[in-house]
Protein backbone atom coordinates (compact mmCIF):
# COMPACT_ATOMS: atom_id res chain seq x y z
CA MET A 1 15.85 -37.96 -15.35
CA SER A 2 18.45 -39.80 -13.53
CA ALA A 3 18.27 -40.43 -9.69
CA TYR A 4 20.67 -37.66 -8.85
CA GLN A 5 19.04 -34.96 -10.84
CA THR A 6 15.62 -36.26 -9.29
CA LEU A 7 17.22 -35.84 -5.79
CA SER A 8 19.06 -32.62 -6.56
CA LYS A 9 15.77 -31.16 -8.44
CA LYS A 10 14.33 -32.11 -4.77
CA ILE A 11 17.11 -30.28 -2.99
CA ILE A 12 16.92 -27.19 -4.71
CA ASP A 13 13.27 -26.81 -4.58
CA LYS A 14 13.34 -27.67 -0.67
CA ASN A 15 15.79 -24.98 -0.82
CA ILE A 16 13.85 -22.60 -3.00
CA TYR A 17 10.91 -23.61 -0.64
CA ILE A 18 12.83 -22.34 2.85
CA LEU A 19 14.23 -19.13 1.17
CA ARG A 20 10.84 -18.06 0.32
CA GLN A 21 8.15 -19.24 2.84
CA VAL A 22 10.45 -19.65 5.86
CA ILE A 23 13.22 -17.20 6.00
CA PHE A 24 12.35 -14.00 4.06
CA PRO A 25 8.96 -13.87 5.65
CA LEU A 26 10.38 -14.35 9.17
CA PHE A 27 13.12 -11.88 7.91
CA LEU A 28 10.64 -9.14 6.51
CA ILE A 29 8.67 -10.15 10.49
CA VAL A 30 11.93 -9.30 12.71
CA THR A 31 13.44 -6.47 10.41
CA CYS A 32 10.00 -4.32 9.37
CA PRO A 33 9.11 -3.10 12.51
CA LEU A 34 12.77 -2.45 13.11
CA MET A 35 12.98 0.09 10.18
CA VAL A 36 9.36 1.61 10.98
CA MET A 37 11.24 3.03 14.37
CA LEU A 38 14.30 3.72 12.51
CA MET A 39 12.80 5.91 9.80
CA TRP A 40 10.90 7.92 12.49
CA TYR A 41 13.87 8.87 14.63
CA THR A 42 16.26 9.07 11.49
CA SER A 43 13.58 12.05 10.43
CA ALA A 44 13.15 13.85 14.19
CA GLN A 45 16.26 13.50 15.23
CA LEU A 46 18.82 13.03 12.82
CA GLU A 47 17.78 15.49 10.18
CA GLY A 48 16.89 12.71 8.00
CA SER A 49 20.22 11.42 7.64
CA PHE A 50 21.03 7.73 7.77
CA LEU A 51 24.57 8.16 7.69
CA LYS A 52 24.47 9.86 10.93
CA LEU A 53 22.17 6.60 11.85
CA PHE A 54 25.18 4.82 11.07
CA GLN A 55 27.56 6.79 12.81
CA MET A 56 25.30 6.39 15.81
CA CYS A 57 25.10 2.54 15.36
CA LEU A 58 28.92 2.29 15.03
CA GLN A 59 29.81 4.82 18.37
CA LYS A 60 26.81 2.73 20.85
CA GLY A 61 26.29 -0.46 18.81
CA PHE A 62 23.21 -1.04 16.94
CA PHE A 63 21.09 -3.40 19.72
CA ASP A 64 22.05 -0.08 22.32
CA THR A 65 21.13 2.53 19.09
CA PHE A 66 17.85 0.44 18.76
CA GLY A 67 17.35 -0.28 22.19
CA SER A 68 16.90 3.23 23.16
CA ILE A 69 15.37 4.33 19.96
CA TRP A 70 12.42 2.01 20.48
CA SER A 71 12.15 0.82 24.37
CA PRO A 72 10.50 4.68 25.49
CA TYR A 73 7.96 3.87 22.50
CA PHE A 74 7.49 0.21 22.30
CA PHE A 75 3.99 -0.66 23.70
CA GLY A 76 3.26 3.34 22.43
CA THR A 77 2.11 5.94 24.05
CA PRO A 78 -1.25 7.07 26.01
CA THR A 79 -1.85 9.56 23.94
CA ALA A 80 -1.01 7.86 20.75
CA TRP A 81 -3.54 4.92 22.00
CA LYS A 82 -5.90 7.52 22.22
CA ILE A 83 -5.32 9.05 18.97
CA ILE A 84 -5.45 5.49 17.35
CA ALA A 85 -8.83 4.35 18.83
CA SER A 86 -10.55 7.82 18.24
CA PHE A 87 -9.39 7.14 14.72
CA GLY A 88 -10.11 3.60 14.40
CA VAL A 89 -13.69 4.25 15.76
CA PHE A 90 -14.45 7.21 13.75
CA GLN A 91 -13.39 5.06 10.41
CA LEU A 92 -15.62 2.32 11.69
CA ILE A 93 -18.50 3.96 12.14
CA LEU A 94 -18.13 6.07 8.66
CA MET A 95 -18.25 2.61 6.69
CA ARG A 96 -21.26 1.66 8.44
CA ILE A 97 -23.83 4.62 8.39
CA VAL A 98 -21.74 6.75 5.43
CA PRO A 99 -24.80 5.39 2.52
CA GLY A 100 -23.09 4.15 -0.75
CA LYS A 101 -24.09 1.65 -3.31
CA PRO A 102 -23.08 -2.40 -3.20
CA PHE A 103 -20.23 -2.76 -5.01
CA HIS A 104 -19.57 -6.97 -5.80
CA SER A 105 -16.01 -7.76 -6.07
CA PRO A 106 -15.04 -9.95 -9.28
CA VAL A 107 -15.44 -13.77 -7.87
CA THR A 108 -12.52 -15.47 -6.63
CA LEU A 109 -11.18 -18.74 -7.24
CA ALA A 110 -13.20 -20.21 -4.34
CA GLY A 111 -16.14 -19.00 -6.05
CA ASN A 112 -17.21 -16.14 -3.37
CA VAL A 113 -18.03 -12.77 -4.80
CA PRO A 114 -17.62 -10.64 -1.73
CA VAL A 115 -19.90 -7.13 -1.45
CA TYR A 116 -18.69 -4.16 -0.56
CA LYS A 117 -20.31 -0.50 0.55
CA ALA A 118 -18.92 1.96 -2.26
CA ASN A 119 -19.06 5.11 0.27
CA GLY A 120 -14.71 5.32 -0.07
CA VAL A 121 -15.10 9.17 -1.42
CA ALA A 122 -17.50 10.22 1.03
CA CYS A 123 -15.61 8.73 3.92
CA TYR A 124 -12.67 10.48 2.78
CA PHE A 125 -13.98 14.03 2.07
CA ILE A 126 -15.61 13.63 5.58
CA THR A 127 -12.38 12.32 7.22
CA TYR A 128 -9.98 15.28 6.43
CA ILE A 129 -12.77 18.37 6.45
CA ALA A 130 -13.45 16.89 10.01
CA PHE A 131 -9.89 17.28 10.91
CA TYR A 132 -9.54 20.34 9.09
CA ILE A 133 -12.65 21.91 11.30
CA LEU A 134 -11.47 20.33 14.59
CA SER A 135 -7.52 21.43 14.31
CA PHE A 136 -7.62 24.52 12.41
CA GLN A 137 -10.89 25.93 13.39
CA LEU A 138 -12.45 24.73 16.86
CA ARG A 139 -8.74 24.11 17.67
CA VAL A 140 -9.92 20.99 19.61
CA PHE A 141 -6.27 19.92 19.15
CA SER A 142 -3.35 21.32 17.18
CA PRO A 143 -2.89 20.07 13.44
CA THR A 144 0.42 19.10 14.38
CA ILE A 145 -0.77 16.73 16.81
CA ILE A 146 0.01 13.62 14.68
CA TYR A 147 3.54 14.49 13.71
CA ASP A 148 4.18 15.72 17.68
CA ASN A 149 3.41 11.89 18.50
CA LEU A 150 4.66 10.15 15.85
CA GLY A 151 6.93 7.99 17.27
CA GLY A 152 4.53 6.91 20.12
CA LEU A 153 2.06 6.29 17.34
CA LEU A 154 4.30 4.32 15.71
CA GLY A 155 5.11 1.98 18.56
CA ALA A 156 1.75 1.49 19.17
CA LEU A 157 0.72 0.75 15.66
CA CYS A 158 3.75 -1.77 15.46
CA PHE A 159 2.73 -3.37 18.50
CA PHE A 160 -0.87 -3.76 17.88
CA SER A 161 -0.86 -4.58 14.59
CA PHE A 162 1.53 -7.45 15.72
CA ILE A 163 -0.88 -9.04 18.04
CA PHE A 164 -4.34 -8.43 15.12
CA CYS A 165 -2.39 -10.73 13.05
CA ILE A 166 -1.94 -13.13 15.62
CA PHE A 167 -5.66 -13.02 15.53
CA LEU A 168 -6.08 -12.90 12.78
CA TYR A 169 -3.92 -16.28 11.81
CA PHE A 170 -6.62 -17.75 14.30
CA LYS A 171 -9.31 -16.36 13.13
CA GLY A 172 -8.82 -18.01 9.80
CA LYS A 173 -7.80 -21.20 10.39
CA TYR A 174 -10.42 -21.70 13.06
CA LYS A 175 -12.87 -19.28 12.26
CA PRO A 176 -12.62 -17.91 8.58
CA SER A 177 -15.69 -15.59 7.23
CA SER A 178 -15.59 -17.64 4.09
CA SER A 179 -13.91 -20.63 2.06
CA ASP A 180 -11.01 -18.48 0.74
CA SER A 181 -9.07 -19.55 3.56
CA GLY A 182 -6.85 -22.42 4.96
CA THR A 183 -3.23 -23.02 5.92
CA SER A 184 -0.26 -24.52 4.48
CA GLY A 185 1.13 -26.20 7.65
CA ASN A 186 3.65 -23.61 7.92
CA VAL A 187 3.22 -21.22 10.92
CA ILE A 188 5.91 -18.85 9.47
CA PHE A 189 4.60 -18.11 6.64
CA ASP A 190 1.02 -18.57 7.35
CA PHE A 191 1.47 -15.82 10.07
CA TYR A 192 3.08 -13.76 7.40
CA TRP A 193 0.78 -14.21 4.35
CA GLY A 194 -2.21 -14.97 6.46
CA THR A 195 -5.29 -17.43 6.73
CA GLU A 196 -8.13 -15.59 5.34
CA LEU A 197 -8.73 -13.90 2.18
CA TYR A 198 -11.63 -11.88 3.43
CA PRO A 199 -11.82 -11.64 7.05
CA ARG A 200 -14.79 -9.71 8.82
CA ILE A 201 -15.46 -8.93 12.12
CA PHE A 202 -19.27 -7.92 13.03
CA GLY A 203 -19.87 -7.38 9.27
CA TRP A 204 -16.83 -5.15 8.75
CA ASP A 205 -14.49 -6.02 6.07
CA VAL A 206 -10.99 -6.19 7.83
CA LYS A 207 -8.95 -5.24 5.05
CA LEU A 208 -11.13 -2.52 3.62
CA PHE A 209 -10.66 -1.29 7.07
CA THR A 210 -6.88 -1.77 7.59
CA ASN A 211 -5.74 -1.05 3.77
CA CYS A 212 -8.14 1.67 2.97
CA ARG A 213 -9.85 3.29 5.56
CA PHE A 214 -6.83 3.20 8.15
CA GLY A 215 -3.77 2.77 6.12
CA MET A 216 -4.44 5.07 3.18
CA MET A 217 -6.97 7.49 5.02
CA GLY A 218 -4.22 8.04 7.68
CA TRP A 219 -1.53 8.61 5.12
CA GLY A 220 -3.18 12.06 4.01
CA LEU A 221 -3.62 12.78 8.07
CA VAL A 222 0.13 12.13 8.79
CA ILE A 223 1.47 14.45 5.76
CA MET A 224 -0.81 17.34 6.60
CA SER A 225 0.48 17.45 10.22
CA CYS A 226 4.31 17.44 8.74
CA ALA A 227 3.41 20.65 6.74
CA ALA A 228 1.45 22.03 9.54
CA LYS A 229 4.53 21.38 11.64
CA GLN A 230 7.48 23.13 9.49
CA SER A 231 4.89 26.16 9.05
CA GLN A 232 4.54 26.04 13.08
CA LEU A 233 8.42 26.06 12.97
CA TYR A 234 9.51 28.01 10.22
CA GLY A 235 7.09 28.91 7.78
CA LEU A 236 5.66 26.50 4.59
CA SER A 237 7.71 26.06 2.04
CA ASP A 238 6.75 26.07 -1.27
CA ALA A 239 8.72 22.20 -1.60
CA MET A 240 6.60 20.75 1.26
CA LEU A 241 3.76 22.29 -0.41
CA VAL A 242 4.04 20.76 -3.65
CA SER A 243 5.03 17.64 -2.34
CA VAL A 244 2.19 17.32 0.20
CA VAL A 245 -0.42 18.48 -2.41
CA LEU A 246 0.73 15.62 -5.01
CA GLN A 247 0.55 12.79 -2.62
CA LEU A 248 -2.86 14.19 -1.34
CA ILE A 249 -4.08 14.14 -5.30
CA TYR A 250 -3.02 10.77 -5.73
CA ILE A 251 -4.78 9.65 -2.19
CA THR A 252 -7.94 11.17 -3.75
CA LYS A 253 -7.74 9.22 -6.70
CA PHE A 254 -7.25 6.12 -4.59
CA PHE A 255 -10.71 6.44 -3.04
CA VAL A 256 -12.00 7.75 -6.15
CA TRP A 257 -10.63 4.30 -7.65
CA GLU A 258 -11.57 2.19 -4.63
CA THR A 259 -13.62 0.00 -5.93
CA GLY A 260 -11.34 -0.85 -8.96
CA TYR A 261 -8.49 -1.25 -5.83
CA LEU A 262 -11.16 -3.93 -4.63
CA GLY A 263 -10.41 -5.84 -7.11
CA SER A 264 -6.12 -5.92 -7.19
CA LEU A 265 -3.46 -8.41 -6.16
CA ASP A 266 -3.91 -6.68 -2.76
CA ILE A 267 -7.54 -8.14 -1.99
CA MET A 268 -8.33 -10.77 -4.55
CA HIS A 269 -4.95 -12.64 -3.94
CA ASP A 270 -3.21 -11.71 -0.61
CA ARG A 271 -4.29 -13.16 2.31
CA ALA A 272 -4.99 -10.50 5.43
CA GLY A 273 -1.72 -11.29 7.32
CA PHE A 274 1.64 -9.81 8.55
CA MET A 275 2.22 -8.69 4.72
CA ILE A 276 -0.71 -7.07 3.92
CA CYS A 277 -2.31 -5.96 7.18
CA TRP A 278 0.93 -4.94 9.43
CA GLY A 279 2.15 -3.37 6.36
CA VAL A 280 -0.90 -0.75 5.84
CA LEU A 281 -0.97 -0.32 9.55
CA SER A 282 2.98 -0.04 10.34
CA TRP A 283 4.66 0.94 7.34
CA ILE A 284 2.49 3.17 5.60
CA PRO A 285 2.70 6.04 8.54
CA SER A 286 6.38 5.77 8.89
CA VAL A 287 7.42 5.11 5.27
CA TYR A 288 5.32 6.16 2.75
CA THR A 289 5.38 9.13 4.10
CA SER A 290 8.98 9.78 4.02
CA PRO A 291 9.45 13.05 1.85
CA ALA A 292 7.02 14.87 4.43
CA LEU A 293 8.98 13.88 7.20
CA TYR A 294 12.12 14.75 5.95
CA LEU A 295 10.86 18.38 4.54
CA VAL A 296 9.87 19.17 7.99
CA HIS A 297 13.03 20.42 9.51
CA HIS A 298 14.30 21.24 5.60
CA PRO A 299 12.11 24.11 4.85
CA HIS A 300 13.82 25.29 1.84
CA HIS A 301 12.12 26.67 -1.06
CA LEU A 302 12.02 25.76 -5.31
CA GLY A 303 10.81 29.09 -6.66
CA LEU A 304 7.15 29.47 -8.36
CA THR A 305 8.86 27.91 -11.87
CA VAL A 306 10.37 24.79 -10.43
CA SER A 307 7.53 24.22 -8.07
CA LEU A 308 4.92 24.49 -10.62
CA ALA A 309 7.17 22.30 -13.10
CA ILE A 310 7.21 19.19 -10.72
CA PHE A 311 2.72 19.99 -9.71
CA LEU A 312 2.13 19.51 -13.45
CA VAL A 313 4.52 16.63 -14.31
CA GLY A 314 3.32 15.20 -10.98
CA SER A 315 0.25 15.55 -11.23
CA SER A 316 -0.04 14.44 -14.96
CA CYS A 317 1.71 11.37 -13.82
CA ILE A 318 -0.97 10.42 -11.19
CA MET A 319 -3.53 11.42 -13.88
CA ILE A 320 -2.11 8.72 -16.27
CA ASN A 321 -1.82 6.02 -13.46
CA TYR A 322 -5.82 6.78 -12.78
CA MET A 323 -6.94 6.80 -16.47
CA ALA A 324 -5.09 3.47 -17.07
CA ASP A 325 -6.72 1.81 -13.98
CA ARG A 326 -10.35 3.21 -15.10
CA GLN A 327 -9.96 2.05 -18.73
CA ARG A 328 -9.57 -1.65 -17.79
CA GLN A 329 -12.54 -1.10 -15.37
CA LEU A 330 -14.77 0.66 -17.68
CA VAL A 331 -13.98 -2.04 -20.07
CA ARG A 332 -14.99 -5.06 -18.00
CA SER A 333 -17.70 -3.14 -16.56
CA THR A 334 -19.58 -2.44 -19.82
CA VAL A 335 -18.18 -6.09 -21.32
CA GLY A 336 -16.12 -4.23 -23.64
CA ASN A 337 -19.14 -1.93 -25.36
CA CYS A 338 -17.45 1.07 -24.70
CA LYS A 339 -14.36 2.91 -26.78
CA VAL A 340 -10.75 3.15 -25.71
CA TRP A 341 -8.57 6.01 -27.25
CA GLY A 342 -11.44 6.33 -29.60
CA LYS A 343 -11.84 2.83 -30.57
CA LYS A 344 -13.57 0.03 -29.99
CA PRO A 345 -11.15 -1.98 -27.14
CA LYS A 346 -9.27 -5.10 -28.66
CA VAL A 347 -9.89 -7.99 -25.91
CA ILE A 348 -9.28 -11.27 -24.74
CA GLU A 349 -11.81 -13.38 -23.29
CA ALA A 350 -9.63 -15.19 -20.77
CA HIS A 351 -11.47 -18.44 -19.47
CA TYR A 352 -11.13 -20.14 -15.74
CA VAL A 353 -12.26 -22.72 -13.67
CA THR A 354 -13.48 -21.99 -9.98
CA GLU A 355 -12.55 -24.56 -7.00
CA LYS A 356 -15.97 -25.20 -7.18
CA GLY A 357 -16.02 -26.35 -10.54
CA GLU A 358 -17.67 -23.10 -12.29
CA HIS A 359 -16.56 -22.15 -15.56
CA LYS A 360 -16.13 -18.24 -15.75
CA LYS A 361 -14.73 -15.63 -17.90
CA SER A 362 -12.76 -11.99 -17.85
CA LEU A 363 -11.89 -9.38 -20.48
CA LEU A 364 -7.83 -8.83 -20.73
CA LEU A 365 -7.76 -5.66 -22.27
CA CYS A 366 -5.22 -5.69 -24.84
CA SER A 367 -5.38 -1.66 -26.09
CA GLY A 368 -5.13 1.72 -24.79
CA TRP A 369 -3.01 2.14 -22.05
CA TRP A 370 -2.92 -1.71 -21.93
CA GLY A 371 -1.74 -2.42 -25.08
CA ILE A 372 1.43 -0.44 -23.90
CA ALA A 373 2.74 -3.34 -21.55
CA ARG A 374 0.89 -5.17 -19.09
CA HIS A 375 1.81 -3.44 -16.25
CA PHE A 376 2.05 0.00 -17.34
CA GLN A 377 0.09 1.39 -14.84
CA TYR A 378 2.99 0.83 -12.25
CA VAL A 379 5.50 3.40 -14.34
CA PRO A 380 3.19 6.55 -13.85
CA GLU A 381 2.59 5.43 -10.02
CA LEU A 382 6.38 5.05 -9.89
CA LEU A 383 7.40 8.66 -11.84
CA ALA A 384 4.59 10.63 -9.24
CA ALA A 385 6.40 9.13 -5.90
CA PHE A 386 9.33 10.25 -7.72
CA PHE A 387 7.95 13.75 -8.13
CA TRP A 388 6.58 14.46 -5.09
CA SER A 389 10.04 13.18 -3.75
CA VAL A 390 12.00 15.65 -5.37
CA PRO A 391 11.23 18.51 -3.83
CA ALA A 392 13.32 16.95 -0.99
CA LEU A 393 16.42 18.01 -3.31
CA PHE A 394 19.21 15.33 -3.34
CA THR A 395 20.94 15.89 0.15
CA ASP A 396 19.72 12.74 1.63
CA PHE A 397 18.86 9.62 0.33
CA PHE A 398 16.15 9.51 3.43
CA PRO A 399 13.39 11.00 1.24
CA TYR A 400 13.47 8.65 -1.61
CA PHE A 401 13.67 5.68 0.46
CA TYR A 402 9.59 5.07 -0.46
CA PHE A 403 10.22 5.73 -4.18
CA VAL A 404 13.47 2.67 -4.25
CA PHE A 405 10.85 0.57 -2.06
CA LEU A 406 8.01 0.85 -4.32
CA THR A 407 9.97 0.37 -7.18
CA ILE A 408 10.89 -3.04 -5.85
CA LEU A 409 7.50 -3.48 -4.34
CA LEU A 410 5.69 -2.73 -8.28
CA THR A 411 8.41 -4.68 -9.78
CA GLN A 412 7.94 -8.02 -8.03
CA ARG A 413 3.99 -7.79 -8.04
CA ALA A 414 4.32 -7.39 -11.66
CA PHE A 415 6.36 -11.09 -11.73
CA ARG A 416 3.72 -12.16 -9.27
CA ASP A 417 0.84 -10.85 -10.78
CA ASP A 418 1.86 -12.62 -14.17
CA GLU A 419 2.54 -15.93 -12.39
CA ARG A 420 -1.00 -15.95 -10.45
CA CYS A 421 -2.97 -15.08 -14.05
CA SER A 422 -0.78 -17.78 -15.84
CA LYS A 423 -1.84 -20.24 -13.53
CA LYS A 424 -5.86 -18.72 -13.49
CA TYR A 425 -5.87 -18.65 -17.69
CA GLY A 426 -3.20 -20.91 -18.80
CA LYS A 427 -3.40 -20.35 -22.69
CA ASP A 428 -5.34 -17.28 -22.64
CA TRP A 429 -2.77 -15.72 -20.78
CA ASP A 430 -0.36 -16.84 -23.16
CA LYS A 431 -2.41 -15.18 -25.99
CA TYR A 432 -2.66 -12.10 -24.29
CA CYS A 433 1.58 -12.05 -23.82
CA SER A 434 1.85 -12.56 -27.42
CA ILE A 435 0.00 -9.84 -27.88
CA VAL A 436 1.50 -7.28 -25.27
CA PRO A 437 4.72 -8.83 -25.04
CA LYS A 438 6.52 -6.26 -22.40
CA LYS A 439 5.68 -6.36 -18.43
CA MET A 440 6.23 -2.84 -17.62
CA ILE A 441 8.28 -0.39 -19.75
CA PRO A 442 7.13 -0.28 -23.24
CA TYR A 443 9.84 -1.73 -26.16
CA LEU A 444 12.28 -2.97 -22.78
CA PHE A 445 10.90 -4.54 -19.72
């Protein structure tokens, strides 16, 4: 390679580094909080029309428009903070007191084996039953309380989670909970991605709390409150019912599979920073809930036949997604001594070395759902999101914002996961890719 080529490569590598680890993270850190508040305002005040939001920006200017939307809620509201504190403390108590078997996560490259209490399903049902009894039966608060205070809740969450991520940055830098920590020297990227993989505070696992017990648990409560609000204003439509029920089935599936999630890319690779922790605390309640938020003020009826068809296809997609994830979990937990689609599973014994120099191995499943494509489980997950969005019909783009976001997220995650596995398993991963050549979609991609 000539000196000119070497210099050109260095310049290109530096530009890629600046783009991926400075510009892109900074862009998301700045724009995501803006989008959270715009999503809420568009659904609540502009009938879920991004066109009306665009026209409003043209008339008033973007900064004046956004200032008028966010300024009343920048620090949240007293009611919002009470709701967040009550819910957060309740979840922390459940994490600690609800019994569950110890669950050992797969060993990390640093050689750590995080241990969790597998009580997610019990905490899930306790939370939702408590919400139902306190709101619908005892009337301690209205079931519409979350929707009615969503602007203040999102403002408080954006503010709190940003401060919390600053705290996590310094905790991982100066007082990490394990050796799975460190900095890159790039403050922006370290704040965005995090400085610690498994932070714990007073024994509570931070990512288990933020990702599962606050973010995912809160998702279901938000959409239930949306359904209650529509029922209060217009009567409950079958479109809202189908959308909310499908989402609740998916969320239930998540907690049934929670121990599997604890071995996923989110937990085992992505550190506890803005991308993960801010995202699940602030992005989930505003973006993941977009179909239900839209349907609150669009109470149309689909009819029994259409509703039933959407429900059956959507729930089937959720079950296929669960079966695919469960299939891999079963093969690894039994060390391949099980059956996949009635046959002994085809596996590759993949070897890797931890940072401590320990030689470990893992099983890569090459049959069943995992013989179709390396990340086939994302396909039914995307289809499920589409089917709980489609009851909103096609008048506006708003209810499909989450589906488009999820498509981008999971496609990018498939590439990231392949890259991580290639570095981890080397030739064993190359062998797996030769057996299962498609990344996500059979015969296509």
